[in-house]
Amino acid sequence: MIVLFYSTQDPAAVHAANALKELRPSEATRLRGFDAWHFRGLQSPVPFDLVELPFRALSFQEADLFGADLAVFLSRHAGASGKPCFTCHPTGNFGEAKEGFGGASKTLSRVSAHWLKRFYLALKERTGRVSMEATHHGPTLNTPTLFVETGSDEPEWVKPENGILLAESVLMALERKDVGKAALGFGGTHYCSAFAPLLEKGWALSHVASKHSVEFVDKAMLQQAVSKTVEPVEKIFLDKGGLSGAKRKELEGWCGELGLEFESV
């Protein structure tokens, strides 16, 4: 079962959740003590549950208790530019967890590269304004986890029409069947400018450590990123303009020791 989560403290998530309830018939229920809605039947060929959280979602480690095959968090995205966009990304902390941002230190969530690809492509098709973000913040879960978000500032979060776009993108993603060769990315920008194009070239990305967090990556973290990817990882992509020479050599050496193929892009 796929479970979607949203926080009542997040206006972008509330608008998306309300839009889902308008777009598809659902049945109100309770799941593990939370208000929830079942989406099933002919109009929901891929069944899913929607769970309402009365608190911020970033620290909701209890999401693992729902036994989902995939956890998708509807959320707002805050960006310094304030540029209207929609984003998706895995969760986890390559370094120390930051106060207020959830998750455990040096811990990554499990992630399905295939599902990340489907959400990215659905957001691109429906909105035309999509960015893939590098792995960041919590919760850090054993359940394959993704965040899908409306950005990048409050004027965009409170627009009901953006909630409709996010909801329609989610429904499209759930019915997509895209697959690809799973890969990881290291270096470059937070918005994965070197890696996102690979999603339309036969690849499916899992965890990405941007230049802001790659300094925390050691051999054990590389192994963790591989093991926390649902699909077998076939390649490690290195941003040729977004890594120091020393870090590149380290990553290439660890890839060699672990038998992982790597390529600079």
Protein backbone atom coordinates (compact mmCIF):
# COMPACT_ATOMS: atom_id res chain seq x y z
CA MET A 1 0.00 0.00 0.00
CA ILE A 2 1.11 3.56 -0.75
CA VAL A 3 0.57 6.08 2.06
CA LEU A 4 0.55 9.85 1.58
CA PHE A 5 1.11 12.10 4.59
CA TYR A 6 0.39 15.79 5.07
CA SER A 7 0.63 18.22 7.98
CA THR A 8 -2.18 20.57 8.94
CA GLN A 9 0.58 23.09 9.79
CA ASP A 10 1.67 23.22 6.14
CA PRO A 11 -0.66 25.26 3.88
CA ALA A 12 0.79 23.83 0.65
CA ALA A 13 0.24 20.28 1.89
CA VAL A 14 -3.31 21.09 3.07
CA HIS A 15 -4.23 22.49 -0.35
CA ALA A 16 -2.84 19.38 -2.07
CA ALA A 17 -4.67 17.04 0.33
CA ASN A 18 -7.94 18.92 -0.14
CA ALA A 19 -7.50 18.70 -3.90
CA LEU A 20 -6.97 14.94 -3.72
CA LYS A 21 -10.25 14.58 -1.83
CA GLU A 22 -11.99 16.64 -4.51
CA LEU A 23 -10.39 14.83 -7.45
CA ARG A 24 -11.04 11.26 -6.29
CA PRO A 25 -13.70 9.63 -4.11
CA SER A 26 -12.45 8.50 -0.72
CA GLU A 27 -13.62 6.93 2.51
CA ALA A 28 -12.83 8.64 5.83
CA THR A 29 -11.25 6.39 8.45
CA ARG A 30 -8.63 6.30 11.22
CA LEU A 31 -5.16 4.81 10.84
CA ARG A 32 -2.95 4.34 13.89
CA GLY A 33 -4.88 7.07 15.68
CA PHE A 34 -4.75 9.63 12.86
CA ASP A 35 -7.53 10.92 10.62
CA ALA A 36 -7.13 9.28 7.23
CA TRP A 37 -8.84 8.62 3.91
CA HIS A 38 -8.84 5.47 1.78
CA PHE A 39 -8.66 5.99 -1.99
CA ARG A 40 -9.75 2.82 -3.78
CA GLY A 41 -12.04 1.67 -6.57
CA LEU A 42 -12.38 2.20 -10.30
CA GLN A 43 -11.42 5.88 -10.08
CA SER A 44 -8.30 5.04 -8.07
CA PRO A 45 -6.67 2.19 -10.00
CA VAL A 46 -3.64 2.48 -7.72
CA PRO A 47 -5.07 2.42 -4.18
CA PHE A 48 -3.53 4.65 -1.53
CA ASP A 49 -4.21 6.12 1.89
CA LEU A 50 -3.94 9.78 2.90
CA VAL A 51 -3.01 10.47 6.52
CA GLU A 52 -3.40 13.82 8.30
CA LEU A 53 -0.73 14.85 10.81
CA PRO A 54 -1.46 17.61 13.36
CA PHE A 55 2.26 18.48 13.58
CA ARG A 56 5.23 19.04 11.26
CA ALA A 57 6.12 16.00 9.21
CA LEU A 58 9.92 16.28 9.24
CA SER A 59 10.28 14.35 12.51
CA PHE A 60 7.54 11.77 11.97
CA GLN A 61 9.67 8.65 12.46
CA GLU A 62 6.48 6.73 13.31
CA ALA A 63 5.61 6.67 9.60
CA ASP A 64 7.39 3.30 9.51
CA LEU A 65 4.62 1.84 11.68
CA PHE A 66 2.11 2.14 8.82
CA GLY A 67 3.84 -0.71 6.97
CA ALA A 68 3.65 1.16 3.65
CA ASP A 69 5.43 0.07 0.50
CA LEU A 70 6.00 3.77 -0.24
CA ALA A 71 5.62 6.88 1.95
CA VAL A 72 5.02 10.15 0.12
CA PHE A 73 4.98 13.41 2.08
CA LEU A 74 3.10 16.35 0.59
CA SER A 75 4.93 19.49 1.61
CA ARG A 76 5.91 23.08 1.04
CA HIS A 77 9.34 23.93 -0.33
CA ALA A 78 11.23 26.98 0.91
CA GLY A 79 13.77 28.47 -1.49
CA ALA A 80 15.75 31.68 -1.20
CA SER A 81 14.81 32.73 -4.73
CA GLY A 82 11.08 32.50 -4.08
CA LYS A 83 10.77 31.15 -7.61
CA PRO A 84 7.51 29.25 -8.25
CA CYS A 85 8.33 25.57 -8.70
CA PHE A 86 7.54 22.01 -7.66
CA THR A 87 10.18 19.69 -6.25
CA CYS A 88 10.77 16.09 -5.20
CA HIS A 89 13.57 14.46 -3.24
CA PRO A 90 14.58 11.59 -0.94
CA THR A 91 15.14 12.17 2.77
CA GLY A 92 18.17 11.66 4.96
CA ASN A 93 21.18 13.31 6.54
CA PHE A 94 24.68 12.68 5.19
CA GLY A 95 26.05 14.62 8.16
CA GLU A 96 24.66 15.65 11.52
CA ALA A 97 20.90 16.14 11.73
CA LYS A 98 19.96 19.82 12.02
CA GLU A 99 17.68 20.91 14.84
CA GLY A 100 14.14 21.29 13.61
CA PHE A 101 14.74 19.37 10.38
CA GLY A 102 14.25 15.83 11.67
CA GLY A 103 15.87 12.50 11.04
CA ALA A 104 18.90 10.82 12.53
CA SER A 105 22.49 11.92 11.95
CA LYS A 106 24.44 10.17 9.18
CA THR A 107 21.34 8.19 8.28
CA LEU A 108 19.48 7.93 4.98
CA SER A 109 15.94 6.76 4.31
CA ARG A 110 15.26 3.92 1.96
CA VAL A 111 14.26 5.24 -1.46
CA SER A 112 12.96 3.79 -4.69
CA ALA A 113 14.78 5.34 -7.66
CA HIS A 114 11.92 4.22 -9.91
CA TRP A 115 9.30 6.05 -7.85
CA LEU A 116 11.44 9.19 -7.65
CA LYS A 117 11.72 9.14 -11.44
CA ARG A 118 7.94 8.75 -11.80
CA PHE A 119 7.18 11.68 -9.52
CA TYR A 120 9.76 13.90 -11.20
CA LEU A 121 8.43 13.14 -14.68
CA ALA A 122 4.81 13.56 -13.59
CA LEU A 123 5.59 16.93 -12.00
CA LYS A 124 7.41 18.01 -15.14
CA GLU A 125 4.60 16.91 -17.43
CA ARG A 126 1.84 18.48 -15.36
CA THR A 127 3.50 21.69 -14.16
CA GLY A 128 6.52 22.33 -16.39
CA ARG A 129 8.27 23.74 -13.31
CA VAL A 130 10.02 20.87 -11.58
CA SER A 131 13.33 20.52 -9.79
CA MET A 132 14.88 17.47 -8.22
CA GLU A 133 16.55 18.24 -4.93
CA ALA A 134 19.45 16.47 -3.28
CA THR A 135 18.78 14.28 -0.26
CA HIS A 136 18.09 16.31 2.87
CA HIS A 137 16.17 16.51 6.19
CA GLY A 138 14.02 13.92 7.92
CA PRO A 139 12.29 11.77 8.68
CA THR A 140 14.81 8.97 8.15
CA LEU A 141 12.74 5.87 7.54
CA ASN A 142 13.05 2.20 6.67
CA THR A 143 10.04 2.71 4.40
CA PRO A 144 10.93 3.97 0.90
CA THR A 145 10.26 7.69 1.25
CA LEU A 146 9.85 10.78 -0.93
CA PHE A 147 8.85 14.39 -0.43
CA VAL A 148 6.88 16.17 -3.17
CA GLU A 149 6.61 19.89 -2.67
CA THR A 150 5.17 23.24 -3.74
CA GLY A 151 7.67 26.12 -3.71
CA SER A 152 9.17 28.39 -3.05
CA ASP A 153 7.58 30.87 -0.62
CA GLU A 154 4.35 31.57 1.24
CA PRO A 155 2.53 33.34 -1.63
CA GLU A 156 2.90 30.10 -3.63
CA TRP A 157 2.09 27.78 -0.71
CA VAL A 158 -1.30 29.37 -0.08
CA LYS A 159 -2.55 29.22 -3.68
CA PRO A 160 -5.23 26.51 -3.97
CA GLU A 161 -4.40 26.13 -7.67
CA ASN A 162 -0.89 24.97 -6.75
CA GLY A 163 -2.42 22.37 -4.47
CA ILE A 164 -4.47 21.13 -7.40
CA LEU A 165 -1.36 20.91 -9.60
CA LEU A 166 0.53 18.99 -6.93
CA ALA A 167 -2.40 16.62 -6.36
CA GLU A 168 -2.86 15.99 -10.08
CA SER A 169 0.87 15.31 -10.40
CA VAL A 170 0.72 12.80 -7.54
CA LEU A 171 -2.17 10.94 -9.15
CA MET A 172 -0.32 10.88 -12.47
CA ALA A 173 2.86 9.60 -10.80
CA LEU A 174 1.05 6.76 -9.03
CA GLU A 175 -0.13 5.41 -12.38
CA ARG A 176 3.20 5.77 -14.21
CA LYS A 177 5.33 2.69 -14.87
CA ASP A 178 8.67 4.37 -15.66
CA VAL A 179 11.77 2.43 -14.70
CA GLY A 180 15.47 2.96 -15.31
CA LYS A 181 18.93 1.94 -14.22
CA ALA A 182 19.37 3.06 -10.62
CA ALA A 183 22.18 5.46 -9.81
CA LEU A 184 23.51 7.77 -7.09
CA GLY A 185 24.85 11.30 -7.51
CA PHE A 186 27.63 13.13 -5.69
CA GLY A 187 28.56 16.81 -5.88
CA GLY A 188 27.04 19.78 -7.66
CA THR A 189 24.08 21.93 -6.80
CA HIS A 190 21.29 21.26 -4.35
CA TYR A 191 18.92 21.22 -7.34
CA CYS A 192 20.85 18.44 -9.10
CA SER A 193 21.45 20.40 -12.31
CA ALA A 194 23.92 17.81 -13.61
CA PHE A 195 21.90 14.78 -12.56
CA ALA A 196 18.23 15.60 -13.20
CA PRO A 197 18.61 15.35 -17.02
CA LEU A 198 19.65 11.71 -16.55
CA LEU A 199 16.08 10.93 -15.47
CA GLU A 200 15.04 11.37 -19.10
CA LYS A 201 17.93 9.30 -20.46
CA GLY A 202 17.26 5.83 -19.09
CA TRP A 203 18.48 6.44 -15.54
CA ALA A 204 16.60 6.55 -12.24
CA LEU A 205 18.27 8.48 -9.42
CA SER A 206 18.22 7.60 -5.77
CA HIS A 207 20.22 9.49 -3.14
CA VAL A 208 22.20 12.58 -4.12
CA ALA A 209 24.78 14.32 -1.93
CA SER A 210 25.22 17.91 -3.16
CA LYS A 211 28.45 19.88 -2.75
CA HIS A 212 27.00 21.13 0.53
CA SER A 213 26.88 17.66 2.09
CA VAL A 214 29.38 15.59 0.10
CA GLU A 215 32.12 16.52 2.58
CA PHE A 216 30.37 14.24 5.09
CA VAL A 217 30.40 11.24 2.73
CA ASP A 218 32.83 8.49 3.60
CA LYS A 219 33.02 4.90 2.40
CA ALA A 220 30.41 3.79 4.95
CA MET A 221 27.97 6.51 3.82
CA LEU A 222 28.49 5.50 0.19
CA GLN A 223 27.70 1.91 1.14
CA GLN A 224 24.63 3.07 3.04
CA ALA A 225 23.34 5.04 0.03
CA VAL A 226 23.70 1.92 -2.09
CA SER A 227 22.04 -0.39 0.44
CA LYS A 228 19.17 2.04 1.11
CA THR A 229 18.23 2.12 -2.59
CA VAL A 230 15.45 -0.36 -3.36
CA GLU A 231 16.73 -1.15 -6.86
CA PRO A 232 20.28 -2.43 -7.54
CA VAL A 233 22.60 0.55 -8.02
CA GLU A 234 24.33 0.33 -11.40
CA LYS A 235 26.40 3.52 -11.44
CA ILE A 236 27.72 6.41 -9.36
CA PHE A 237 27.58 9.78 -11.11
CA LEU A 238 30.08 12.48 -10.09
CA ASP A 239 29.46 16.14 -10.91
CA LYS A 240 32.69 17.10 -12.69
CA GLY A 241 32.27 20.77 -11.84
CA GLY A 242 30.89 20.33 -8.35
CA LEU A 243 33.51 18.28 -6.51
CA SER A 244 36.97 19.09 -5.22
CA GLY A 245 39.78 17.07 -6.74
CA ALA A 246 40.50 15.44 -3.40
CA LYS A 247 36.89 14.37 -2.84
CA ARG A 248 36.62 13.07 -6.38
CA LYS A 249 39.66 10.85 -5.85
CA GLU A 250 38.24 9.59 -2.57
CA LEU A 251 34.90 8.69 -4.18
CA GLU A 252 36.56 7.04 -7.17
CA GLY A 253 38.73 4.99 -4.81
CA TRP A 254 35.76 3.83 -2.70
CA CYS A 255 33.81 2.95 -5.85
CA GLY A 256 36.73 0.81 -6.97
CA GLU A 257 36.92 -0.96 -3.61
CA LEU A 258 33.16 -1.62 -3.65
CA GLY A 259 33.01 -2.70 -7.28
CA LEU A 260 30.82 0.26 -8.30
CA GLU A 261 31.02 1.78 -11.75
CA PHE A 262 31.39 5.58 -11.81
CA GLU A 263 31.13 8.34 -14.39
CA SER A 264 31.64 12.10 -14.39
CA VAL A 265 28.86 14.27 -15.85
